[in-house]
PDB file of N, CA and C in Angstrom:
ATOM      1  N   MET A   1     -28.152 -17.204  32.891  1.00  0.00           N
ATOM      2  CA  MET A   1     -27.127 -16.761  31.951  1.00  0.00           C
ATOM      3  C   MET A   1     -26.376 -15.581  32.539  1.00  0.00           C
ATOM      4  N   ASP A   2     -25.081 -15.592  32.366  1.00  0.00           N
ATOM      5  CA  ASP A   2     -24.332 -14.420  32.804  1.00  0.00           C
ATOM      6  C   ASP A   2     -23.934 -13.602  31.595  1.00  0.00           C
ATOM      7  N   GLY A   3     -23.269 -12.523  31.772  1.00  0.00           N
ATOM      8  CA  GLY A   3     -22.945 -11.594  30.690  1.00  0.00           C
ATOM      9  C   GLY A   3     -21.908 -12.125  29.723  1.00  0.00           C
ATOM     10  N   ARG A   4     -21.221 -13.193  30.078  1.00  0.00           N
ATOM     11  CA  ARG A   4     -20.163 -13.702  29.195  1.00  0.00           C
ATOM     12  C   ARG A   4     -20.705 -14.342  27.927  1.00  0.00           C
ATOM     13  N   ASP A   5     -21.864 -14.900  27.947  1.00  0.00           N
ATOM     14  CA  ASP A   5     -22.410 -15.561  26.767  1.00  0.00           C
ATOM     15  C   ASP A   5     -22.514 -14.618  25.587  1.00  0.00           C
ATOM     16  N   THR A   6     -22.952 -13.408  25.799  1.00  0.00           N
ATOM     17  CA  THR A   6     -23.069 -12.460  24.695  1.00  0.00           C
ATOM     18  C   THR A   6     -21.693 -12.035  24.213  1.00  0.00           C
ATOM     19  N   ASP A   7     -20.716 -11.899  25.103  1.00  0.00           N
ATOM     20  CA  ASP A   7     -19.356 -11.540  24.693  1.00  0.00           C
ATOM     21  C   ASP A   7     -18.734 -12.684  23.884  1.00  0.00           C
ATOM     22  N   ASP A   8     -18.973 -13.944  24.326  1.00  0.00           N
ATOM     23  CA  ASP A   8     -18.439 -15.095  23.611  1.00  0.00           C
ATOM     24  C   ASP A   8     -19.038 -15.183  22.208  1.00  0.00           C
ATOM     25  N   GLN A   9     -20.317 -14.877  22.082  1.00  0.00           N
ATOM     26  CA  GLN A   9     -20.968 -14.929  20.780  1.00  0.00           C
ATOM     27  C   GLN A   9     -20.422 -13.850  19.853  1.00  0.00           C
ATOM     28  N   LYS A  10     -20.081 -12.697  20.386  1.00  0.00           N
ATOM     29  CA  LYS A  10     -19.533 -11.623  19.548  1.00  0.00           C
ATOM     30  C   LYS A  10     -18.117 -11.959  19.101  1.00  0.00           C
ATOM     31  N   GLN A  11     -17.331 -12.572  19.964  1.00  0.00           N
ATOM     32  CA  GLN A  11     -15.944 -12.900  19.622  1.00  0.00           C
ATOM     33  C   GLN A  11     -15.853 -14.203  18.847  1.00  0.00           C
ATOM     34  N   SER A  12     -16.836 -15.026  18.974  1.00  0.00           N
ATOM     35  CA  SER A  12     -16.789 -16.358  18.385  1.00  0.00           C
ATOM     36  C   SER A  12     -16.533 -16.370  16.872  1.00  0.00           C
ATOM     37  N   PRO A  13     -17.254 -15.576  16.074  1.00  0.00           N
ATOM     38  CA  PRO A  13     -16.967 -15.628  14.626  1.00  0.00           C
ATOM     39  C   PRO A  13     -15.536 -15.217  14.283  1.00  0.00           C
ATOM     40  N   ALA A  14     -15.036 -14.187  14.933  1.00  0.00           N
ATOM     41  CA  ALA A  14     -13.667 -13.739  14.654  1.00  0.00           C
ATOM     42  C   ALA A  14     -12.669 -14.790  15.126  1.00  0.00           C
ATOM     43  N   ASP A  15     -12.897 -15.337  16.323  1.00  0.00           N
ATOM     44  CA  ASP A  15     -12.001 -16.377  16.834  1.00  0.00           C
ATOM     45  C   ASP A  15     -12.042 -17.624  15.954  1.00  0.00           C
ATOM     46  N   MET A  16     -13.252 -17.979  15.535  1.00  0.00           N
ATOM     47  CA  MET A  16     -13.406 -19.160  14.678  1.00  0.00           C
ATOM     48  C   MET A  16     -12.692 -18.954  13.346  1.00  0.00           C
ATOM     49  N   THR A  17     -12.773 -17.764  12.789  1.00  0.00           N
ATOM     50  CA  THR A  17     -12.096 -17.459  11.527  1.00  0.00           C
ATOM     51  C   THR A  17     -10.587 -17.603  11.685  1.00  0.00           C
ATOM     52  N   VAL A  18     -10.044 -17.080  12.764  1.00  0.00           N
ATOM     53  CA  VAL A  18      -8.605 -17.169  13.018  1.00  0.00           C
ATOM     54  C   VAL A  18      -8.209 -18.634  13.216  1.00  0.00           C
ATOM     55  N   PHE A  19      -9.027 -19.357  13.978  1.00  0.00           N
ATOM     56  CA  PHE A  19      -8.750 -20.768  14.226  1.00  0.00           C
ATOM     57  C   PHE A  19      -8.733 -21.559  12.921  1.00  0.00           C
ATOM     58  N   VAL A  20      -9.736 -21.349  12.086  1.00  0.00           N
ATOM     59  CA  VAL A  20      -9.826 -22.070  10.816  1.00  0.00           C
ATOM     60  C   VAL A  20      -8.659 -21.687   9.903  1.00  0.00           C
ATOM     61  N   GLN A  21      -8.306 -20.416   9.862  1.00  0.00           N
ATOM     62  CA  GLN A  21      -7.172 -19.999   9.028  1.00  0.00           C
ATOM     63  C   GLN A  21      -5.883 -20.654   9.499  1.00  0.00           C
ATOM     64  N   ASN A  22      -5.671 -20.689  10.799  1.00  0.00           N
ATOM     65  CA  ASN A  22      -4.468 -21.345  11.334  1.00  0.00           C
ATOM     66  C   ASN A  22      -4.473 -22.836  11.028  1.00  0.00           C
ATOM     67  N   LEU A  23      -5.635 -23.457  11.174  1.00  0.00           N
ATOM     68  CA  LEU A  23      -5.750 -24.874  10.883  1.00  0.00           C
ATOM     69  C   LEU A  23      -5.446 -25.165   9.413  1.00  0.00           C
ATOM     70  N   LEU A  24      -5.994 -24.346   8.528  1.00  0.00           N
ATOM     71  CA  LEU A  24      -5.736 -24.531   7.094  1.00  0.00           C
ATOM     72  C   LEU A  24      -4.268 -24.313   6.754  1.00  0.00           C
ATOM     73  N   GLN A  25      -3.630 -23.347   7.397  1.00  0.00           N
ATOM     74  CA  GLN A  25      -2.206 -23.112   7.160  1.00  0.00           C
ATOM     75  C   GLN A  25      -1.376 -24.305   7.633  1.00  0.00           C
ATOM     76  N   GLN A  26      -1.740 -24.862   8.782  1.00  0.00           N
ATOM     77  CA  GLN A  26      -1.024 -26.037   9.278  1.00  0.00           C
ATOM     78  C   GLN A  26      -1.210 -27.224   8.334  1.00  0.00           C
ATOM     79  N   MET A  27      -2.436 -27.403   7.869  1.00  0.00           N
ATOM     80  CA  MET A  27      -2.702 -28.503   6.938  1.00  0.00           C
ATOM     81  C   MET A  27      -1.923 -28.315   5.647  1.00  0.00           C
ATOM     82  N   GLN A  28      -1.907 -27.095   5.130  1.00  0.00           N
ATOM     83  CA  GLN A  28      -1.174 -26.823   3.895  1.00  0.00           C
ATOM     84  C   GLN A  28       0.316 -27.094   4.090  1.00  0.00           C
ATOM     85  N   SER A  29       0.839 -26.699   5.234  1.00  0.00           N
ATOM     86  CA  SER A  29       2.246 -26.939   5.527  1.00  0.00           C
ATOM     87  C   SER A  29       2.550 -28.434   5.599  1.00  0.00           C
ATOM     88  N   ARG A  30       1.665 -29.182   6.259  1.00  0.00           N
ATOM     89  CA  ARG A  30       1.875 -30.633   6.360  1.00  0.00           C
ATOM     90  C   ARG A  30       1.766 -31.306   5.004  1.00  0.00           C
ATOM     91  N   PHE A  31       0.789 -30.911   4.211  1.00  0.00           N
ATOM     92  CA  PHE A  31       0.656 -31.491   2.875  1.00  0.00           C
ATOM     93  C   PHE A  31       1.873 -31.159   2.013  1.00  0.00           C
ATOM     94  N   GLN A  32       2.394 -29.944   2.140  1.00  0.00           N
ATOM     95  CA  GLN A  32       3.575 -29.556   1.373  1.00  0.00           C
ATOM     96  C   GLN A  32       4.772 -30.401   1.794  1.00  0.00           C
ATOM     97  N   THR A  33       4.916 -30.610   3.106  1.00  0.00           N
ATOM     98  CA  THR A  33       6.007 -31.433   3.614  1.00  0.00           C
ATOM     99  C   THR A  33       5.888 -32.868   3.100  1.00  0.00           C
ATOM    100  N   MET A  34       4.672 -33.426   3.159  1.00  0.00           N
ATOM    101  CA  MET A  34       4.454 -34.785   2.650  1.00  0.00           C
ATOM    102  C   MET A  34       4.716 -34.853   1.152  1.00  0.00           C
ATOM    103  N   SER A  35       4.269 -33.860   0.416  1.00  0.00           N
ATOM    104  CA  SER A  35       4.474 -33.831  -1.029  1.00  0.00           C
ATOM    105  C   SER A  35       5.966 -33.794  -1.355  1.00  0.00           C
ATOM    106  N   ASP A  36       6.702 -32.936  -0.643  1.00  0.00           N
ATOM    107  CA  ASP A  36       8.149 -32.851  -0.866  1.00  0.00           C
ATOM    108  C   ASP A  36       8.826 -34.180  -0.555  1.00  0.00           C
ATOM    109  N   SER A  37       8.375 -34.832   0.519  1.00  0.00           N
ATOM    110  CA  SER A  37       8.951 -36.119   0.904  1.00  0.00           C
ATOM    111  C   SER A  37       8.679 -37.172  -0.159  1.00  0.00           C
ATOM    112  N   ILE A  38       7.452 -37.210  -0.672  1.00  0.00           N
ATOM    113  CA  ILE A  38       7.090 -38.187  -1.700  1.00  0.00           C
ATOM    114  C   ILE A  38       7.895 -37.951  -2.971  1.00  0.00           C
ATOM    115  N   ILE A  39       8.012 -36.702  -3.371  1.00  0.00           N
ATOM    116  CA  ILE A  39       8.777 -36.376  -4.583  1.00  0.00           C
ATOM    117  C   ILE A  39      10.239 -36.764  -4.404  1.00  0.00           C
ATOM    118  N   SER A  40      10.768 -36.520  -3.215  1.00  0.00           N
ATOM    119  CA  SER A  40      12.156 -36.885  -2.931  1.00  0.00           C
ATOM    120  C   SER A  40      12.354 -38.391  -3.029  1.00  0.00           C
ATOM    121  N   LYS A  41      11.415 -39.158  -2.484  1.00  0.00           N
ATOM    122  CA  LYS A  41      11.519 -40.618  -2.543  1.00  0.00           C
ATOM    123  C   LYS A  41      11.377 -41.126  -3.983  1.00  0.00           C
ATOM    124  N   ILE A  42      10.511 -40.507  -4.758  1.00  0.00           N
ATOM    125  CA  ILE A  42      10.355 -40.891  -6.166  1.00  0.00           C
ATOM    126  C   ILE A  42      11.647 -40.608  -6.928  1.00  0.00           C
ATOM    127  N   ASP A  43      12.259 -39.449  -6.675  1.00  0.00           N
ATOM    128  CA  ASP A  43      13.532 -39.130  -7.328  1.00  0.00           C
ATOM    129  C   ASP A  43      14.609 -40.141  -6.935  1.00  0.00           C
ATOM    130  N   GLU A  44      14.630 -40.521  -5.652  1.00  0.00           N
ATOM    131  CA  GLU A  44      15.605 -41.491  -5.173  1.00  0.00           C
ATOM    132  C   GLU A  44      15.384 -42.846  -5.847  1.00  0.00           C
ATOM    133  N   MET A  45      14.129 -43.255  -5.968  1.00  0.00           N
ATOM    134  CA  MET A  45      13.822 -44.517  -6.643  1.00  0.00           C
ATOM    135  C   MET A  45      14.245 -44.452  -8.107  1.00  0.00           C
ATOM    136  N   GLY A  46      14.017 -43.318  -8.762  1.00  0.00           N
ATOM    137  CA  GLY A  46      14.435 -43.155 -10.149  1.00  0.00           C
ATOM    138  C   GLY A  46      15.937 -43.306 -10.297  1.00  0.00           C
ATOM    139  N   SER A  47      16.681 -42.728  -9.357  1.00  0.00           N
ATOM    140  CA  SER A  47      18.140 -42.850  -9.393  1.00  0.00           C
ATOM    141  C   SER A  47      18.574 -44.301  -9.205  1.00  0.00           C
ATOM    142  N   ARG A  48      17.914 -44.988  -8.291  1.00  0.00           N
ATOM    143  CA  ARG A  48      18.250 -46.398  -8.059  1.00  0.00           C
ATOM    144  C   ARG A  48      17.941 -47.241  -9.286  1.00  0.00           C
ATOM    145  N   ILE A  49      16.837 -46.964  -9.935  1.00  0.00           N
ATOM    146  CA  ILE A  49      16.478 -47.702 -11.150  1.00  0.00           C
ATOM    147  C   ILE A  49      17.511 -47.431 -12.242  1.00  0.00           C
ATOM    148  N   ASP A  50      17.939 -46.179 -12.373  1.00  0.00           N
ATOM    149  CA  ASP A  50      18.972 -45.856 -13.359  1.00  0.00           C
ATOM    150  C   ASP A  50      20.260 -46.618 -13.067  1.00  0.00           C
ATOM    151  N   GLU A  51      20.653 -46.674 -11.778  1.00  0.00           N
ATOM    152  CA  GLU A  51      21.865 -47.406 -11.401  1.00  0.00           C
ATOM    153  C   GLU A  51      21.714 -48.898 -11.699  1.00  0.00           C
ATOM    154  N   LEU A  52      20.544 -49.442 -11.403  1.00  0.00           N
ATOM    155  CA  LEU A  52      20.292 -50.856 -11.676  1.00  0.00           C
ATOM    156  C   LEU A  52      20.355 -51.142 -13.173  1.00  0.00           C
ATOM    157  N   GLU A  53      19.753 -50.266 -13.963  1.00  0.00           N
ATOM    158  CA  GLU A  53      19.783 -50.432 -15.411  1.00  0.00           C
ATOM    159  C   GLU A  53      21.214 -50.375 -15.932  1.00  0.00           C
ATOM    160  N   GLN A  54      22.017 -49.461 -15.380  1.00  0.00           N
ATOM    161  CA  GLN A  54      23.411 -49.351 -15.794  1.00  0.00           C
ATOM    162  C   GLN A  54      24.177 -50.628 -15.427  1.00  0.00           C
ATOM    163  N   SER A  55      23.914 -51.163 -14.238  1.00  0.00           N
ATOM    164  CA  SER A  55      24.583 -52.397 -13.817  1.00  0.00           C
ATOM    165  C   SER A  55      24.203 -53.557 -14.727  1.00  0.00           C
ATOM    166  N   ILE A  56      22.933 -53.634 -15.088  1.00  0.00           N
ATOM    167  CA  ILE A  56      22.473 -54.700 -15.986  1.00  0.00           C
ATOM    168  C   ILE A  56      23.166 -54.583 -17.339  1.00  0.00           C
ATOM    169  N   ASN A  57      23.249 -53.357 -17.859  1.00  0.00           N
ATOM    170  CA  ASN A  57      23.915 -53.155 -19.152  1.00  0.00           C
ATOM    171  C   ASN A  57      25.394 -53.512 -19.072  1.00  0.00           C
ATOM    172  N   GLU A  58      26.038 -53.207 -17.935  1.00  0.00           N
ATOM    173  CA  GLU A  58      27.445 -53.566 -17.769  1.00  0.00           C
ATOM    174  C   GLU A  58      27.609 -55.082 -17.721  1.00  0.00           C
ATOM    175  N   LEU A  59      26.690 -55.755 -17.034  1.00  0.00           N
ATOM    176  CA  LEU A  59      26.746 -57.217 -16.986  1.00  0.00           C
ATOM    177  C   LEU A  59      26.526 -57.821 -18.361  1.00  0.00           C
ATOM    178  N   ARG A  60      25.615 -57.268 -19.125  1.00  0.00           N
ATOM    179  CA  ARG A  60      25.376 -57.756 -20.486  1.00  0.00           C
ATOM    180  C   ARG A  60      26.628 -57.586 -21.333  1.00  0.00           C
ATOM    181  N   THR A  61      27.288 -56.445 -21.170  1.00  0.00           N
ATOM    182  CA  THR A  61      28.510 -56.187 -21.930  1.00  0.00           C
ATOM    183  C   THR A  61      29.588 -57.197 -21.552  1.00  0.00           C
ATOM    184  N   GLU A  62      29.747 -57.437 -20.247  1.00  0.00           N
ATOM    185  CA  GLU A  62      30.746 -58.407 -19.792  1.00  0.00           C
ATOM    186  C   GLU A  62      30.424 -59.803 -20.325  1.00  0.00           C
ATOM    187  N   MET A  63      29.163 -60.172 -20.287  1.00  0.00           N
ATOM    188  CA  MET A  63      28.779 -61.495 -20.785  1.00  0.00           C
ATOM    189  C   MET A  63      29.017 -61.591 -22.286  1.00  0.00           C
ATOM    190  N   GLY A  64      28.772 -60.517 -22.998  1.00  0.00           N
ATOM    191  CA  GLY A  64      29.000 -60.515 -24.444  1.00  0.00           C
ATOM    192  C   GLY A  64      30.467 -60.651 -24.779  1.00  0.00           C
ATOM    193  N   GLN A  65      31.345 -60.054 -23.960  1.00  0.00           N
ATOM    194  CA  GLN A  65      32.777 -60.125 -24.206  1.00  0.00           C
ATOM    195  C   GLN A  65      33.319 -61.525 -23.922  1.00  0.00           C
ATOM    196  N   GLU A  66      32.656 -62.246 -23.018  1.00  0.00           N
ATOM    197  CA  GLU A  66      33.101 -63.595 -22.688  1.00  0.00           C
ATOM    198  C   GLU A  66      32.537 -64.629 -23.654  1.00  0.00           C
ATOM    199  N   GLY A  67      31.712 -64.203 -24.590  1.00  0.00           N
ATOM    200  CA  GLY A  67      31.168 -65.116 -25.581  1.00  0.00           C
ATOM    201  C   GLY A  67      29.908 -65.818 -25.125  1.00  0.00           C
ATOM    202  N   SER A  68      29.371 -65.435 -23.973  1.00  0.00           N
ATOM    203  CA  SER A  68      28.134 -66.051 -23.492  1.00  0.00           C
ATOM    204  C   SER A  68      26.951 -65.422 -24.200  1.00  0.00           C
ATOM    205  N   PRO A  69      25.871 -66.163 -24.354  1.00  0.00           N
ATOM    206  CA  PRO A  69      24.685 -65.567 -24.970  1.00  0.00           C
ATOM    207  C   PRO A  69      24.079 -64.516 -24.044  1.00  0.00           C
ATOM    208  N   SER A  70      23.415 -63.561 -24.630  1.00  0.00           N
ATOM    209  CA  SER A  70      22.800 -62.512 -23.816  1.00  0.00           C
ATOM    210  C   SER A  70      21.632 -63.097 -23.045  1.00  0.00           C
ATOM    211  N   PRO A  71      21.274 -62.487 -21.888  1.00  0.00           N
ATOM    212  CA  PRO A  71      20.154 -63.020 -21.115  1.00  0.00           C
ATOM    213  C   PRO A  71      18.857 -63.040 -21.910  1.00  0.00           C
ATOM    214  N   SER A  72      18.649 -62.082 -22.789  1.00  0.00           N
ATOM    215  CA  SER A  72      17.412 -62.063 -23.571  1.00  0.00           C
ATOM    216  C   SER A  72      17.369 -63.233 -24.544  1.00  0.00           C
ATOM    217  N   ALA A  73      18.507 -63.658 -25.054  1.00  0.00           N
ATOM    218  CA  ALA A  73      18.547 -64.790 -25.970  1.00  0.00           C
ATOM    219  C   ALA A  73      18.259 -66.082 -25.224  1.00  0.00           C
ATOM    220  N   ALA A  74      18.680 -66.158 -23.972  1.00  0.00           N
ATOM    221  CA  ALA A  74      18.448 -67.361 -23.184  1.00  0.00           C
ATOM    222  C   ALA A  74      16.973 -67.495 -22.831  1.00  0.00           C
ATOM    223  N   LEU A  75      16.251 -66.395 -22.778  1.00  0.00           N
ATOM    224  CA  LEU A  75      14.843 -66.428 -22.421  1.00  0.00           C
ATOM    225  C   LEU A  75      13.938 -66.760 -23.599  1.00  0.00           C
ATOM    226  N   LYS A  76      14.426 -66.612 -24.822  1.00  0.00           N
ATOM    227  CA  LYS A  76      13.604 -66.866 -26.004  1.00  0.00           C
ATOM    228  C   LYS A  76      13.444 -68.367 -26.197  1.00  0.00           C
ATOM    229  N   PRO A  77      12.234 -68.826 -26.483  1.00  0.00           N
ATOM    230  CA  PRO A  77      12.059 -70.269 -26.721  1.00  0.00           C
ATOM    231  C   PRO A  77      12.714 -70.648 -28.044  1.00  0.00           C
ATOM    232  N   LYS A  78      13.311 -71.821 -28.038  1.00  0.00           N
ATOM    233  CA  LYS A  78      13.965 -72.290 -29.261  1.00  0.00           C
ATOM    234  C   LYS A  78      12.908 -72.920 -30.159  1.00  0.00           C
ATOM    235  N   GLU A  79      13.034 -72.659 -31.439  1.00  0.00           N
ATOM    236  CA  GLU A  79      12.082 -73.234 -32.391  1.00  0.00           C
ATOM    237  C   GLU A  79      12.484 -74.667 -32.687  1.00  0.00           C
ATOM    238  N   GLU A  80      11.493 -75.511 -32.648  1.00  0.00           N
ATOM    239  CA  GLU A  80      11.745 -76.913 -32.965  1.00  0.00           C
ATOM    240  C   GLU A  80      11.491 -77.118 -34.453  1.00  0.00           C
ATOM    241  N   PRO A  81      12.206 -78.042 -35.072  1.00  0.00           N
ATOM    242  CA  PRO A  81      11.979 -78.306 -36.486  1.00  0.00           C
ATOM    243  C   PRO A  81      10.566 -78.816 -36.705  1.00  0.00           C
ATOM    244  N   ARG A  82       9.968 -78.383 -37.791  1.00  0.00           N
ATOM    245  CA  ARG A  82       8.589 -78.800 -38.097  1.00  0.00           C
ATOM    246  C   ARG A  82       8.600 -80.190 -38.709  1.00  0.00           C
ATOM    247  N   THR A  83       7.583 -80.920 -38.367  1.00  0.00           N
ATOM    248  CA  THR A  83       7.437 -82.266 -38.939  1.00  0.00           C
ATOM    249  C   THR A  83       6.210 -82.254 -39.844  1.00  0.00           C
ATOM    250  N   ALA A  84       5.984 -83.322 -40.527  1.00  0.00           N
ATOM    251  CA  ALA A  84       4.837 -83.423 -41.430  1.00  0.00           C
ATOM    252  C   ALA A  84       3.537 -83.343 -40.645  1.00  0.00           C
ATOM    253  N   ASP A  85       3.530 -83.774 -39.384  1.00  0.00           N
ATOM    254  CA  ASP A  85       2.318 -83.752 -38.567  1.00  0.00           C
ATOM    255  C   ASP A  85       1.927 -82.320 -38.205  1.00  0.00           C
ATOM    256  N   ASP A  86       2.875 -81.383 -38.133  1.00  0.00           N
ATOM    257  CA  ASP A  86       2.574 -79.994 -37.765  1.00  0.00           C
ATOM    258  C   ASP A  86       1.767 -79.261 -38.822  1.00  0.00           C
ATOM    259  N   SER A  87       1.854 -79.674 -40.075  1.00  0.00           N
ATOM    260  CA  SER A  87       1.171 -78.956 -41.137  1.00  0.00           C
ATOM    261  C   SER A  87      -0.310 -79.253 -41.176  1.00  0.00           C
ATOM    262  N   ALA A  88      -0.751 -80.297 -40.560  1.00  0.00           N
ATOM    263  CA  ALA A  88      -2.164 -80.681 -40.620  1.00  0.00           C
ATOM    264  C   ALA A  88      -3.040 -79.866 -39.730  1.00  0.00           C
TER     265      ALA A  88
END
């Protein structure tokens, strides 16, 4: 063993503390960046959904003005007249 081992052991806890603090700061920075990116993408998706909803409502309005049935009415099943056999 040479004399450096004891010096390394004395500096090691302080160096390790600095290393861990730097590592945690880097991780926190990366997580913050990822979080900001995710929130930004969610906001962008929300805006796109709002635009899509507005377009759908505009199309419904146009279809209503042309006298066409609304898309929701076209999706509803039509009721068939009941016969005497249905009551049994």
